[in-house]
Protein backbone atom coordinates (compact mmCIF):
# COMPACT_ATOMS: atom_id res chain seq x y z
CA MET A 1 0.00 0.00 0.00
CA SER A 2 1.32 3.44 -0.89
CA GLY A 3 1.74 6.31 1.55
CA PHE A 4 -1.02 8.31 -0.15
CA PRO A 5 -4.42 8.67 1.56
CA ARG A 6 -7.53 7.49 -0.21
CA LEU A 7 -9.10 10.67 -1.48
CA CYS A 8 -12.51 9.37 -2.52
CA HIS A 9 -13.33 6.82 0.14
CA HIS A 10 -16.90 8.09 0.57
CA GLY A 11 -18.00 7.90 -3.04
CA PRO A 12 -18.25 10.38 -5.91
CA HIS A 13 -20.84 12.64 -4.28
CA TYR A 14 -19.21 12.94 -0.86
CA MET A 15 -19.02 16.45 0.53
CA PRO A 16 -18.25 17.16 4.20
CA GLN A 17 -21.29 18.11 6.28
CA ALA A 18 -19.75 21.47 7.20
CA VAL A 19 -19.66 22.39 3.50
CA ARG A 20 -23.24 21.19 3.03
CA ILE A 21 -24.44 23.24 6.02
CA ASP A 22 -22.58 26.35 4.83
CA THR A 23 -24.17 25.89 1.40
CA LEU A 24 -27.67 25.75 2.92
CA ARG A 25 -26.96 28.88 4.96
CA ARG A 26 -25.68 30.73 1.92
CA ALA A 27 -28.73 29.72 -0.11
CA ALA A 28 -30.99 30.90 2.73
CA ARG A 29 -29.26 34.30 2.80
CA LEU A 30 -29.63 34.66 -0.97
CA LEU A 31 -33.32 33.74 -0.91
CA GLY A 32 -34.21 35.95 2.04
CA GLY A 33 -34.32 33.40 4.85
CA ALA A 34 -34.88 29.81 5.83
CA GLU A 35 -38.59 29.73 5.00
CA PRO A 36 -38.16 30.66 1.32
CA LEU A 37 -35.33 28.13 1.09
CA ALA A 38 -37.47 25.40 2.68
CA ARG A 39 -40.20 26.08 0.09
CA LYS A 40 -37.70 25.90 -2.78
CA LEU A 41 -36.25 22.65 -1.44
CA ARG A 42 -39.75 21.26 -0.77
CA ALA A 43 -38.80 20.58 2.85
CA SER A 44 -40.46 21.57 6.10
CA PRO A 45 -38.91 24.51 7.97
CA ARG A 46 -38.32 22.11 10.89
CA GLN A 47 -36.39 19.68 8.67
CA LEU A 48 -34.33 22.49 7.15
CA GLU A 49 -33.50 23.77 10.63
CA ALA A 50 -32.31 20.28 11.64
CA TRP A 51 -30.01 20.17 8.61
CA MET A 52 -28.72 23.71 9.11
CA ASN A 53 -28.01 23.10 12.80
CA GLY A 54 -26.16 19.86 12.08
CA GLN A 55 -28.72 17.76 13.96
CA GLU A 56 -29.28 15.65 10.84
CA ALA A 57 -27.06 15.01 7.82
CA VAL A 58 -27.86 17.08 4.75
CA PRO A 59 -28.93 14.64 2.00
CA THR A 60 -26.98 14.82 -1.25
CA ASP A 61 -30.05 15.76 -3.32
CA ILE A 62 -30.85 18.68 -0.99
CA PHE A 63 -27.23 19.85 -1.06
CA LEU A 64 -27.15 19.73 -4.86
CA ARG A 65 -30.45 21.63 -5.14
CA ALA A 66 -29.04 24.31 -2.81
CA VAL A 67 -25.96 24.57 -5.03
CA ASP A 68 -28.26 24.99 -8.05
CA LEU A 69 -30.20 27.74 -6.27
CA ILE A 70 -26.97 29.59 -5.51
CA GLU A 71 -25.80 29.23 -9.11
CA ASP A 72 -29.18 30.39 -10.42
CA SER A 73 -28.94 33.53 -8.29
CA ARG A 74 -25.68 34.58 -9.94
CA PRO A 75 -25.87 36.90 -12.95
CA ASP A 76 -25.19 35.29 -16.31
CA ASP A 77 -21.68 35.69 -17.70
CA LYS A 78 -23.15 37.75 -20.54
CA GLU A 79 -24.53 40.29 -18.08
CA ARG A 80 -21.27 40.74 -16.16
CA ASP A 81 -18.99 43.64 -16.93
CA PRO A 82 -15.67 42.59 -18.48
CA PRO A 83 -12.64 43.02 -16.23
CA GLU A 84 -10.91 46.36 -16.67
CA GLY A 85 -8.13 46.27 -19.22
CA ASN A 86 -9.74 43.38 -21.14
CA ASP A 87 -11.74 45.45 -23.60
CA THR A 88 -10.12 43.97 -26.71
CA GLN A 89 -13.31 43.84 -28.78
CA HIS A 90 -13.61 47.58 -29.20
CA GLY A 91 -9.97 48.43 -29.84
CA PRO A 92 -8.16 51.46 -28.43
CA ARG A 93 -10.17 54.44 -27.29
């Protein structure tokens, strides 16, 4: 056996609970609170609270839906301003 740790010993969808909880909290902030998030996730506020407080493990499907909600709240790349100094499409001014 090599001296390298097994990196994926929990399966392809493993994400530490702390990351899952932080993701739920971020999604709740973006949506205006836990109640709107619970509605979007189709979960009871009590269940969401248990996940967010670490009393119960956040299921993978709930975590992934929260990630989708966060991604959906970001502006599209097309709507973002280009970084300064990268305006190569319009030539010199």
